[in-house]
Amino acid sequence: MKPIDTLMKVVLLIAILLCVLTILDYLALHDIYKDYVSKAVLISLNIVVPKELPAWTNTELEWSMVTINYIMKTLVTIINIILIVIVRNMVRKSSSKNLEQP
């Protein structure tokens, strides 16, 4: 198998991974939207605020997932851009070699 084919498959797999990470972001943000409660929100709605809200209202796991997803998507996108540039350079070299041959 040509190196270009291998790199293109890696680029495609990374693009699929980015789509999956985006879906995971949506799921985490949807949970935050449904479960997140803060004292500021309750006060703005004129609701009596208890001393402490239940732990699940902090949605710490969901916020951690959003943060981790952001970092992963940033790194994976940078890697994908680098791979695309490498593939482009390989294609240019191979096409210039083909033009030089009689």
PDB file of N, CA and C in Angstrom:
ATOM      1  N   MET A   1       0.836  -1.180   0.000  1.00  0.00           N
ATOM      2  CA  MET A   1       0.000   0.000   0.000  1.00  0.00           C
ATOM      3  C   MET A   1       0.880   1.241   0.000  1.00  0.00           C
ATOM      4  N   LYS A   2       0.475   2.210  -0.772  1.00  0.00           N
ATOM      5  CA  LYS A   2       1.233   3.449  -0.860  1.00  0.00           C
ATOM      6  C   LYS A   2       1.120   4.239   0.438  1.00  0.00           C
ATOM      7  N   PRO A   3       2.193   4.972   0.771  1.00  0.00           N
ATOM      8  CA  PRO A   3       2.133   5.806   1.985  1.00  0.00           C
ATOM      9  C   PRO A   3       1.011   6.845   1.930  1.00  0.00           C
ATOM     10  N   ILE A   4       0.722   7.342   0.741  1.00  0.00           N
ATOM     11  CA  ILE A   4      -0.349   8.332   0.607  1.00  0.00           C
ATOM     12  C   ILE A   4      -1.688   7.717   0.993  1.00  0.00           C
ATOM     13  N   ASP A   5      -1.933   6.483   0.542  1.00  0.00           N
ATOM     14  CA  ASP A   5      -3.185   5.808   0.883  1.00  0.00           C
ATOM     15  C   ASP A   5      -3.313   5.609   2.390  1.00  0.00           C
ATOM     16  N   THR A   6      -2.226   5.213   3.011  1.00  0.00           N
ATOM     17  CA  THR A   6      -2.235   5.003   4.456  1.00  0.00           C
ATOM     18  C   THR A   6      -2.529   6.308   5.190  1.00  0.00           C
ATOM     19  N   LEU A   7      -1.855   7.380   4.793  1.00  0.00           N
ATOM     20  CA  LEU A   7      -2.077   8.679   5.440  1.00  0.00           C
ATOM     21  C   LEU A   7      -3.506   9.175   5.223  1.00  0.00           C
ATOM     22  N   MET A   8      -4.046   8.940   4.040  1.00  0.00           N
ATOM     23  CA  MET A   8      -5.419   9.364   3.770  1.00  0.00           C
ATOM     24  C   MET A   8      -6.413   8.598   4.645  1.00  0.00           C
ATOM     25  N   LYS A   9      -6.149   7.327   4.889  1.00  0.00           N
ATOM     26  CA  LYS A   9      -7.018   6.556   5.775  1.00  0.00           C
ATOM     27  C   LYS A   9      -6.944   7.089   7.200  1.00  0.00           C
ATOM     28  N   VAL A  10      -5.745   7.478   7.640  1.00  0.00           N
ATOM     29  CA  VAL A  10      -5.582   8.051   8.980  1.00  0.00           C
ATOM     30  C   VAL A  10      -6.335   9.381   9.068  1.00  0.00           C
ATOM     31  N   VAL A  11      -6.237  10.206   8.034  1.00  0.00           N
ATOM     32  CA  VAL A  11      -6.944  11.486   8.008  1.00  0.00           C
ATOM     33  C   VAL A  11      -8.453  11.248   8.083  1.00  0.00           C
ATOM     34  N   LEU A  12      -8.950  10.259   7.360  1.00  0.00           N
ATOM     35  CA  LEU A  12     -10.378   9.947   7.384  1.00  0.00           C
ATOM     36  C   LEU A  12     -10.810   9.458   8.767  1.00  0.00           C
ATOM     37  N   LEU A  13     -10.009   8.601   9.381  1.00  0.00           N
ATOM     38  CA  LEU A  13     -10.329   8.118  10.732  1.00  0.00           C
ATOM     39  C   LEU A  13     -10.338   9.259  11.743  1.00  0.00           C
ATOM     40  N   ILE A  14      -9.418  10.196  11.596  1.00  0.00           N
ATOM     41  CA  ILE A  14      -9.377  11.348  12.499  1.00  0.00           C
ATOM     42  C   ILE A  14     -10.619  12.211  12.302  1.00  0.00           C
ATOM     43  N   ALA A  15     -11.062  12.367  11.065  1.00  0.00           N
ATOM     44  CA  ALA A  15     -12.277  13.143  10.806  1.00  0.00           C
ATOM     45  C   ALA A  15     -13.493  12.469  11.457  1.00  0.00           C
ATOM     46  N   ILE A  16     -13.554  11.155  11.396  1.00  0.00           N
ATOM     47  CA  ILE A  16     -14.641  10.423  12.050  1.00  0.00           C
ATOM     48  C   ILE A  16     -14.555  10.605  13.567  1.00  0.00           C
ATOM     49  N   LEU A  17     -13.342  10.551  14.111  1.00  0.00           N
ATOM     50  CA  LEU A  17     -13.153  10.771  15.541  1.00  0.00           C
ATOM     51  C   LEU A  17     -13.630  12.162  15.948  1.00  0.00           C
ATOM     52  N   LEU A  18     -13.351  13.161  15.133  1.00  0.00           N
ATOM     53  CA  LEU A  18     -13.806  14.519  15.432  1.00  0.00           C
ATOM     54  C   LEU A  18     -15.332  14.593  15.451  1.00  0.00           C
ATOM     55  N   CYS A  19     -15.984  13.875  14.556  1.00  0.00           N
ATOM     56  CA  CYS A  19     -17.450  13.835  14.554  1.00  0.00           C
ATOM     57  C   CYS A  19     -17.980  13.187  15.834  1.00  0.00           C
ATOM     58  N   VAL A  20     -17.361  12.104  16.259  1.00  0.00           N
ATOM     59  CA  VAL A  20     -17.781  11.428  17.492  1.00  0.00           C
ATOM     60  C   VAL A  20     -17.584  12.347  18.698  1.00  0.00           C
ATOM     61  N   LEU A  21     -16.458  13.040  18.741  1.00  0.00           N
ATOM     62  CA  LEU A  21     -16.206  13.967  19.849  1.00  0.00           C
ATOM     63  C   LEU A  21     -17.217  15.110  19.871  1.00  0.00           C
ATOM     64  N   THR A  22     -17.641  15.550  18.703  1.00  0.00           N
ATOM     65  CA  THR A  22     -18.650  16.605  18.626  1.00  0.00           C
ATOM     66  C   THR A  22     -19.988  16.109  19.176  1.00  0.00           C
ATOM     67  N   ILE A  23     -20.336  14.866  18.851  1.00  0.00           N
ATOM     68  CA  ILE A  23     -21.575  14.283  19.382  1.00  0.00           C
ATOM     69  C   ILE A  23     -21.487  14.157  20.905  1.00  0.00           C
ATOM     70  N   LEU A  24     -20.327  13.750  21.414  1.00  0.00           N
ATOM     71  CA  LEU A  24     -20.152  13.653  22.867  1.00  0.00           C
ATOM     72  C   LEU A  24     -20.273  15.022  23.533  1.00  0.00           C
ATOM     73  N   ASP A  25     -19.785  16.051  22.865  1.00  0.00           N
ATOM     74  CA  ASP A  25     -19.953  17.415  23.381  1.00  0.00           C
ATOM     75  C   ASP A  25     -21.433  17.758  23.504  1.00  0.00           C
ATOM     76  N   TYR A  26     -22.169  17.431  22.468  1.00  0.00           N
ATOM     77  CA  TYR A  26     -23.601  17.710  22.482  1.00  0.00           C
ATOM     78  C   TYR A  26     -24.280  17.005  23.657  1.00  0.00           C
ATOM     79  N   LEU A  27     -23.950  15.736  23.856  1.00  0.00           N
ATOM     80  CA  LEU A  27     -24.581  14.978  24.935  1.00  0.00           C
ATOM     81  C   LEU A  27     -24.262  15.582  26.305  1.00  0.00           C
ATOM     82  N   ALA A  28     -23.011  15.946  26.514  1.00  0.00           N
ATOM     83  CA  ALA A  28     -22.627  16.551  27.794  1.00  0.00           C
ATOM     84  C   ALA A  28     -23.318  17.894  27.991  1.00  0.00           C
ATOM     85  N   LEU A  29     -23.350  18.712  26.956  1.00  0.00           N
ATOM     86  CA  LEU A  29     -23.985  20.027  27.078  1.00  0.00           C
ATOM     87  C   LEU A  29     -25.496  19.899  27.264  1.00  0.00           C
ATOM     88  N   HIS A  30     -26.089  18.888  26.673  1.00  0.00           N
ATOM     89  CA  HIS A  30     -27.520  18.641  26.866  1.00  0.00           C
ATOM     90  C   HIS A  30     -27.806  18.295  28.334  1.00  0.00           C
ATOM     91  N   ASP A  31     -26.955  17.455  28.923  1.00  0.00           N
ATOM     92  CA  ASP A  31     -27.113  17.126  30.342  1.00  0.00           C
ATOM     93  C   ASP A  31     -26.932  18.361  31.221  1.00  0.00           C
ATOM     94  N   ILE A  32     -25.958  19.178  30.889  1.00  0.00           N
ATOM     95  CA  ILE A  32     -25.742  20.407  31.659  1.00  0.00           C
ATOM     96  C   ILE A  32     -26.982  21.295  31.566  1.00  0.00           C
ATOM     97  N   TYR A  33     -27.524  21.414  30.395  1.00  0.00           N
ATOM     98  CA  TYR A  33     -28.719  22.245  30.197  1.00  0.00           C
ATOM     99  C   TYR A  33     -29.890  21.741  31.042  1.00  0.00           C
ATOM    100  N   LYS A  34     -30.027  20.428  31.141  1.00  0.00           N
ATOM    101  CA  LYS A  34     -31.144  19.846  31.892  1.00  0.00           C
ATOM    102  C   LYS A  34     -30.917  19.838  33.405  1.00  0.00           C
ATOM    103  N   ASP A  35     -29.675  19.670  33.855  1.00  0.00           N
ATOM    104  CA  ASP A  35     -29.409  19.440  35.270  1.00  0.00           C
ATOM    105  C   ASP A  35     -28.725  20.580  36.015  1.00  0.00           C
ATOM    106  N   TYR A  36     -28.107  21.504  35.320  1.00  0.00           N
ATOM    107  CA  TYR A  36     -27.301  22.521  35.992  1.00  0.00           C
ATOM    108  C   TYR A  36     -28.192  23.499  36.758  1.00  0.00           C
ATOM    109  N   VAL A  37     -27.889  23.673  38.021  1.00  0.00           N
ATOM    110  CA  VAL A  37     -28.604  24.639  38.852  1.00  0.00           C
ATOM    111  C   VAL A  37     -27.547  25.413  39.641  1.00  0.00           C
ATOM    112  N   SER A  38     -27.633  26.722  39.592  1.00  0.00           N
ATOM    113  CA  SER A  38     -26.706  27.532  40.387  1.00  0.00           C
ATOM    114  C   SER A  38     -27.515  28.452  41.295  1.00  0.00           C
ATOM    115  N   LYS A  39     -26.873  28.897  42.335  1.00  0.00           N
ATOM    116  CA  LYS A  39     -27.542  29.809  43.252  1.00  0.00           C
ATOM    117  C   LYS A  39     -27.942  31.098  42.547  1.00  0.00           C
ATOM    118  N   ALA A  40     -27.091  31.569  41.640  1.00  0.00           N
ATOM    119  CA  ALA A  40     -27.390  32.813  40.921  1.00  0.00           C
ATOM    120  C   ALA A  40     -28.668  32.675  40.092  1.00  0.00           C
ATOM    121  N   VAL A  41     -28.846  31.523  39.448  1.00  0.00           N
ATOM    122  CA  VAL A  41     -30.053  31.308  38.640  1.00  0.00           C
ATOM    123  C   VAL A  41     -31.281  31.271  39.540  1.00  0.00           C
ATOM    124  N   LEU A  42     -31.182  30.546  40.648  1.00  0.00           N
ATOM    125  CA  LEU A  42     -32.323  30.446  41.561  1.00  0.00           C
ATOM    126  C   LEU A  42     -32.684  31.800  42.160  1.00  0.00           C
ATOM    127  N   ILE A  43     -31.683  32.575  42.526  1.00  0.00           N
ATOM    128  CA  ILE A  43     -31.937  33.905  43.089  1.00  0.00           C
ATOM    129  C   ILE A  43     -32.601  34.804  42.048  1.00  0.00           C
ATOM    130  N   SER A  44     -32.142  34.718  40.786  1.00  0.00           N
ATOM    131  CA  SER A  44     -32.740  35.546  39.734  1.00  0.00           C
ATOM    132  C   SER A  44     -34.200  35.179  39.486  1.00  0.00           C
ATOM    133  N   LEU A  45     -34.586  33.942  39.818  1.00  0.00           N
ATOM    134  CA  LEU A  45     -35.967  33.498  39.662  1.00  0.00           C
ATOM    135  C   LEU A  45     -36.785  33.681  40.945  1.00  0.00           C
ATOM    136  N   ASN A  46     -36.191  34.360  41.920  1.00  0.00           N
ATOM    137  CA  ASN A  46     -36.835  34.611  43.215  1.00  0.00           C
ATOM    138  C   ASN A  46     -37.234  33.312  43.914  1.00  0.00           C
ATOM    139  N   ILE A  47     -36.367  32.332  43.863  1.00  0.00           N
ATOM    140  CA  ILE A  47     -36.580  31.063  44.543  1.00  0.00           C
ATOM    141  C   ILE A  47     -35.681  31.043  45.767  1.00  0.00           C
ATOM    142  N   VAL A  48     -36.234  30.612  46.869  1.00  0.00           N
ATOM    143  CA  VAL A  48     -35.460  30.532  48.106  1.00  0.00           C
ATOM    144  C   VAL A  48     -34.350  29.500  47.911  1.00  0.00           C
ATOM    145  N   VAL A  49     -33.143  29.943  48.202  1.00  0.00           N
ATOM    146  CA  VAL A  49     -31.977  29.092  47.972  1.00  0.00           C
ATOM    147  C   VAL A  49     -31.605  28.374  49.261  1.00  0.00           C
ATOM    148  N   PRO A  50     -31.534  27.041  49.205  1.00  0.00           N
ATOM    149  CA  PRO A  50     -31.061  26.327  50.392  1.00  0.00           C
ATOM    150  C   PRO A  50     -29.571  26.582  50.592  1.00  0.00           C
ATOM    151  N   LYS A  51     -29.070  26.233  51.772  1.00  0.00           N
ATOM    152  CA  LYS A  51     -27.646  26.455  52.033  1.00  0.00           C
ATOM    153  C   LYS A  51     -26.778  25.753  51.013  1.00  0.00           C
ATOM    154  N   GLU A  52     -27.073  24.490  50.774  1.00  0.00           N
ATOM    155  CA  GLU A  52     -26.298  23.732  49.785  1.00  0.00           C
ATOM    156  C   GLU A  52     -27.231  23.018  48.829  1.00  0.00           C
ATOM    157  N   LEU A  53     -26.878  23.073  47.576  1.00  0.00           N
ATOM    158  CA  LEU A  53     -27.640  22.339  46.567  1.00  0.00           C
ATOM    159  C   LEU A  53     -27.092  20.922  46.480  1.00  0.00           C
ATOM    160  N   PRO A  54     -27.891  19.983  45.991  1.00  0.00           N
ATOM    161  CA  PRO A  54     -27.386  18.613  45.832  1.00  0.00           C
ATOM    162  C   PRO A  54     -26.171  18.588  44.901  1.00  0.00           C
ATOM    163  N   ALA A  55     -25.292  17.618  45.108  1.00  0.00           N
ATOM    164  CA  ALA A  55     -24.037  17.533  44.336  1.00  0.00           C
ATOM    165  C   ALA A  55     -24.291  17.370  42.844  1.00  0.00           C
ATOM    166  N   TRP A  56     -25.370  16.674  42.487  1.00  0.00           N
ATOM    167  CA  TRP A  56     -25.621  16.439  41.062  1.00  0.00           C
ATOM    168  C   TRP A  56     -25.925  17.721  40.299  1.00  0.00           C
ATOM    169  N   THR A  57     -26.312  18.780  41.008  1.00  0.00           N
ATOM    170  CA  THR A  57     -26.631  20.024  40.319  1.00  0.00           C
ATOM    171  C   THR A  57     -25.398  20.746  39.791  1.00  0.00           C
ATOM    172  N   ASN A  58     -24.223  20.343  40.252  1.00  0.00           N
ATOM    173  CA  ASN A  58     -22.986  20.967  39.758  1.00  0.00           C
ATOM    174  C   ASN A  58     -22.598  20.465  38.375  1.00  0.00           C
ATOM    175  N   THR A  59     -23.083  19.301  38.010  1.00  0.00           N
ATOM    176  CA  THR A  59     -22.749  18.636  36.735  1.00  0.00           C
ATOM    177  C   THR A  59     -21.242  18.645  36.461  1.00  0.00           C
ATOM    178  N   GLU A  60     -20.474  18.278  37.458  1.00  0.00           N
ATOM    179  CA  GLU A  60     -19.014  18.291  37.330  1.00  0.00           C
ATOM    180  C   GLU A  60     -18.518  17.332  36.255  1.00  0.00           C
ATOM    181  N   LEU A  61     -19.104  16.144  36.187  1.00  0.00           N
ATOM    182  CA  LEU A  61     -18.686  15.170  35.179  1.00  0.00           C
ATOM    183  C   LEU A  61     -18.906  15.711  33.765  1.00  0.00           C
ATOM    184  N   GLU A  62     -20.039  16.332  33.548  1.00  0.00           N
ATOM    185  CA  GLU A  62     -20.343  16.875  32.222  1.00  0.00           C
ATOM    186  C   GLU A  62     -19.392  18.009  31.852  1.00  0.00           C
ATOM    187  N   TRP A  63     -19.100  18.885  32.814  1.00  0.00           N
ATOM    188  CA  TRP A  63     -18.170  19.981  32.536  1.00  0.00           C
ATOM    189  C   TRP A  63     -16.762  19.447  32.270  1.00  0.00           C
ATOM    190  N   SER A  64     -16.376  18.404  32.985  1.00  0.00           N
ATOM    191  CA  SER A  64     -15.069  17.784  32.730  1.00  0.00           C
ATOM    192  C   SER A  64     -15.027  17.198  31.327  1.00  0.00           C
ATOM    193  N   MET A  65     -16.124  16.560  30.922  1.00  0.00           N
ATOM    194  CA  MET A  65     -16.192  15.967  29.588  1.00  0.00           C
ATOM    195  C   MET A  65     -16.076  17.038  28.498  1.00  0.00           C
ATOM    196  N   VAL A  66     -16.729  18.162  28.700  1.00  0.00           N
ATOM    197  CA  VAL A  66     -16.646  19.253  27.724  1.00  0.00           C
ATOM    198  C   VAL A  66     -15.209  19.763  27.630  1.00  0.00           C
ATOM    199  N   THR A  67     -14.543  19.920  28.761  1.00  0.00           N
ATOM    200  CA  THR A  67     -13.162  20.400  28.770  1.00  0.00           C
ATOM    201  C   THR A  67     -12.222  19.406  28.094  1.00  0.00           C
ATOM    202  N   ILE A  68     -12.353  18.138  28.438  1.00  0.00           N
ATOM    203  CA  ILE A  68     -11.504  17.104  27.830  1.00  0.00           C
ATOM    204  C   ILE A  68     -11.754  17.016  26.334  1.00  0.00           C
ATOM    205  N   ASN A  69     -13.022  17.081  25.936  1.00  0.00           N
ATOM    206  CA  ASN A  69     -13.354  17.035  24.504  1.00  0.00           C
ATOM    207  C   ASN A  69     -12.733  18.213  23.758  1.00  0.00           C
ATOM    208  N   TYR A  70     -12.781  19.386  24.353  1.00  0.00           N
ATOM    209  CA  TYR A  70     -12.200  20.567  23.705  1.00  0.00           C
ATOM    210  C   TYR A  70     -10.701  20.370  23.474  1.00  0.00           C
ATOM    211  N   ILE A  71     -10.013  19.891  24.496  1.00  0.00           N
ATOM    212  CA  ILE A  71      -8.569  19.668  24.371  1.00  0.00           C
ATOM    213  C   ILE A  71      -8.289  18.601  23.315  1.00  0.00           C
ATOM    214  N   MET A  72      -9.036  17.501  23.366  1.00  0.00           N
ATOM    215  CA  MET A  72      -8.830  16.420  22.397  1.00  0.00           C
ATOM    216  C   MET A  72      -9.113  16.884  20.972  1.00  0.00           C
ATOM    217  N   LYS A  73     -10.209  17.620  20.775  1.00  0.00           N
ATOM    218  CA  LYS A  73     -10.540  18.093  19.427  1.00  0.00           C
ATOM    219  C   LYS A  73      -9.479  19.054  18.902  1.00  0.00           C
ATOM    220  N   THR A  74      -8.943  19.886  19.771  1.00  0.00           N
ATOM    221  CA  THR A  74      -7.896  20.811  19.344  1.00  0.00           C
ATOM    222  C   THR A  74      -6.646  20.050  18.896  1.00  0.00           C
ATOM    223  N   LEU A  75      -6.206  19.097  19.702  1.00  0.00           N
ATOM    224  CA  LEU A  75      -5.011  18.311  19.355  1.00  0.00           C
ATOM    225  C   LEU A  75      -5.228  17.476  18.095  1.00  0.00           C
ATOM    226  N   VAL A  76      -6.367  16.824  18.013  1.00  0.00           N
ATOM    227  CA  VAL A  76      -6.652  15.973  16.852  1.00  0.00           C
ATOM    228  C   VAL A  76      -6.761  16.815  15.579  1.00  0.00           C
ATOM    229  N   THR A  77      -7.336  18.000  15.686  1.00  0.00           N
ATOM    230  CA  THR A  77      -7.436  18.880  14.515  1.00  0.00           C
ATOM    231  C   THR A  77      -6.054  19.324  14.043  1.00  0.00           C
ATOM    232  N   ILE A  78      -5.183  19.668  14.970  1.00  0.00           N
ATOM    233  CA  ILE A  78      -3.818  20.062  14.601  1.00  0.00           C
ATOM    234  C   ILE A  78      -3.095  18.903  13.927  1.00  0.00           C
ATOM    235  N   ILE A  79      -3.228  17.702  14.480  1.00  0.00           N
ATOM    236  CA  ILE A  79      -2.605  16.518  13.867  1.00  0.00           C
ATOM    237  C   ILE A  79      -3.165  16.295  12.473  1.00  0.00           C
ATOM    238  N   ASN A  80      -4.471  16.453  12.312  1.00  0.00           N
ATOM    239  CA  ASN A  80      -5.090  16.248  11.005  1.00  0.00           C
ATOM    240  C   ASN A  80      -4.591  17.266   9.976  1.00  0.00           C
ATOM    241  N   ILE A  81      -4.443  18.498  10.383  1.00  0.00           N
ATOM    242  CA  ILE A  81      -3.932  19.527   9.468  1.00  0.00           C
ATOM    243  C   ILE A  81      -2.511  19.181   9.028  1.00  0.00           C
ATOM    244  N   ILE A  82      -1.689  18.754   9.970  1.00  0.00           N
ATOM    245  CA  ILE A  82      -0.312  18.366   9.639  1.00  0.00           C
ATOM    246  C   ILE A  82      -0.307  17.193   8.648  1.00  0.00           C
ATOM    247  N   LEU A  83      -1.155  16.204   8.889  1.00  0.00           N
ATOM    248  CA  LEU A  83      -1.223  15.052   7.979  1.00  0.00           C
ATOM    249  C   LEU A  83      -1.699  15.455   6.585  1.00  0.00           C
ATOM    250  N   ILE A  84      -2.648  16.356   6.521  1.00  0.00           N
ATOM    251  CA  ILE A  84      -3.133  16.813   5.214  1.00  0.00           C
ATOM    252  C   ILE A  84      -2.028  17.538   4.462  1.00  0.00           C
ATOM    253  N   VAL A  85      -1.243  18.349   5.152  1.00  0.00           N
ATOM    254  CA  VAL A  85      -0.117  19.047   4.503  1.00  0.00           C
ATOM    255  C   VAL A  85       0.918  18.037   4.012  1.00  0.00           C
ATOM    256  N   ILE A  86       1.191  17.010   4.807  1.00  0.00           N
ATOM    257  CA  ILE A  86       2.139  15.970   4.394  1.00  0.00           C
ATOM    258  C   ILE A  86       1.638  15.250   3.153  1.00  0.00           C
ATOM    259  N   VAL A  87       0.364  14.896   3.136  1.00  0.00           N
ATOM    260  CA  VAL A  87      -0.214  14.215   1.971  1.00  0.00           C
ATOM    261  C   VAL A  87      -0.148  15.117   0.745  1.00  0.00           C
ATOM    262  N   ARG A  88      -0.473  16.392   0.920  1.00  0.00           N
ATOM    263  CA  ARG A  88      -0.410  17.336  -0.202  1.00  0.00           C
ATOM    264  C   ARG A  88       1.002  17.410  -0.771  1.00  0.00           C
ATOM    265  N   ASN A  89       1.997  17.476   0.101  1.00  0.00           N
ATOM    266  CA  ASN A  89       3.388  17.534  -0.360  1.00  0.00           C
ATOM    267  C   ASN A  89       3.786  16.251  -1.079  1.00  0.00           C
ATOM    268  N   MET A  90       3.322  15.113  -0.578  1.00  0.00           N
ATOM    269  CA  MET A  90       3.623  13.839  -1.235  1.00  0.00           C
ATOM    270  C   MET A  90       2.997  13.774  -2.622  1.00  0.00           C
ATOM    271  N   VAL A  91       1.781  14.260  -2.742  1.00  0.00           N
ATOM    272  CA  VAL A  91       1.099  14.267  -4.045  1.00  0.00           C
ATOM    273  C   VAL A  91       1.818  15.198  -5.011  1.00  0.00           C
ATOM    274  N   ARG A  92       2.228  16.354  -4.533  1.00  0.00           N
ATOM    275  CA  ARG A  92       2.955  17.297  -5.394  1.00  0.00           C
ATOM    276  C   ARG A  92       4.279  16.698  -5.875  1.00  0.00           C
ATOM    277  N   LYS A  93       5.003  16.029  -4.981  1.00  0.00           N
ATOM    278  CA  LYS A  93       6.270  15.415  -5.372  1.00  0.00           C
ATOM    279  C   LYS A  93       6.057  14.320  -6.402  1.00  0.00           C
ATOM    280  N   SER A  94       5.038  13.492  -6.177  1.00  0.00           N
ATOM    281  CA  SER A  94       4.802  12.401  -7.117  1.00  0.00           C
ATOM    282  C   SER A  94       4.319  12.925  -8.459  1.00  0.00           C
ATOM    283  N   SER A  95       3.521  13.982  -8.466  1.00  0.00           N
ATOM    284  CA  SER A  95       3.055  14.528  -9.741  1.00  0.00           C
ATOM    285  C   SER A  95       4.188  15.240 -10.477  1.00  0.00           C
ATOM    286  N   SER A  96       5.105  15.875  -9.739  1.00  0.00           N
ATOM    287  CA  SER A  96       6.234  16.526 -10.415  1.00  0.00           C
ATOM    288  C   SER A  96       7.192  15.480 -10.983  1.00  0.00           C
ATOM    289  N   LYS A  97       7.344  14.339 -10.314  1.00  0.00           N
ATOM    290  CA  LYS A  97       8.179  13.261 -10.842  1.00  0.00           C
ATOM    291  C   LYS A  97       7.570  12.688 -12.113  1.00  0.00           C
ATOM    292  N   ASN A  98       6.248  12.571 -12.140  1.00  0.00           N
ATOM    293  CA  ASN A  98       5.570  12.040 -13.321  1.00  0.00           C
ATOM    294  C   ASN A  98       5.711  12.987 -14.504  1.00  0.00           C
ATOM    295  N   LEU A  99       5.734  14.290 -14.248  1.00  0.00           N
ATOM    296  CA  LEU A  99       5.885  15.270 -15.322  1.00  0.00           C
ATOM    297  C   LEU A  99       7.312  15.266 -15.882  1.00  0.00           C
ATOM    298  N   GLU A 100       8.291  14.958 -15.044  1.00  0.00           N
ATOM    299  CA  GLU A 100       9.674  14.969 -15.468  1.00  0.00           C
ATOM    300  C   GLU A 100      10.038  13.733 -16.311  1.00  0.00           C
ATOM    301  N   GLN A 101       9.328  12.659 -16.146  1.00  0.00           N
ATOM    302  CA  GLN A 101       9.637  11.441 -16.898  1.00  0.00           C
ATOM    303  C   GLN A 101       9.192  11.614 -18.344  1.00  0.00           C
ATOM    304  N   PRO A 102      10.034  11.101 -19.276  1.00  0.00           N
ATOM    305  CA  PRO A 102       9.663  11.247 -20.704  1.00  0.00           C
ATOM    306  C   PRO A 102       8.570  10.312 -21.109  1.00  0.00           C
TER     307      PRO A 102
END
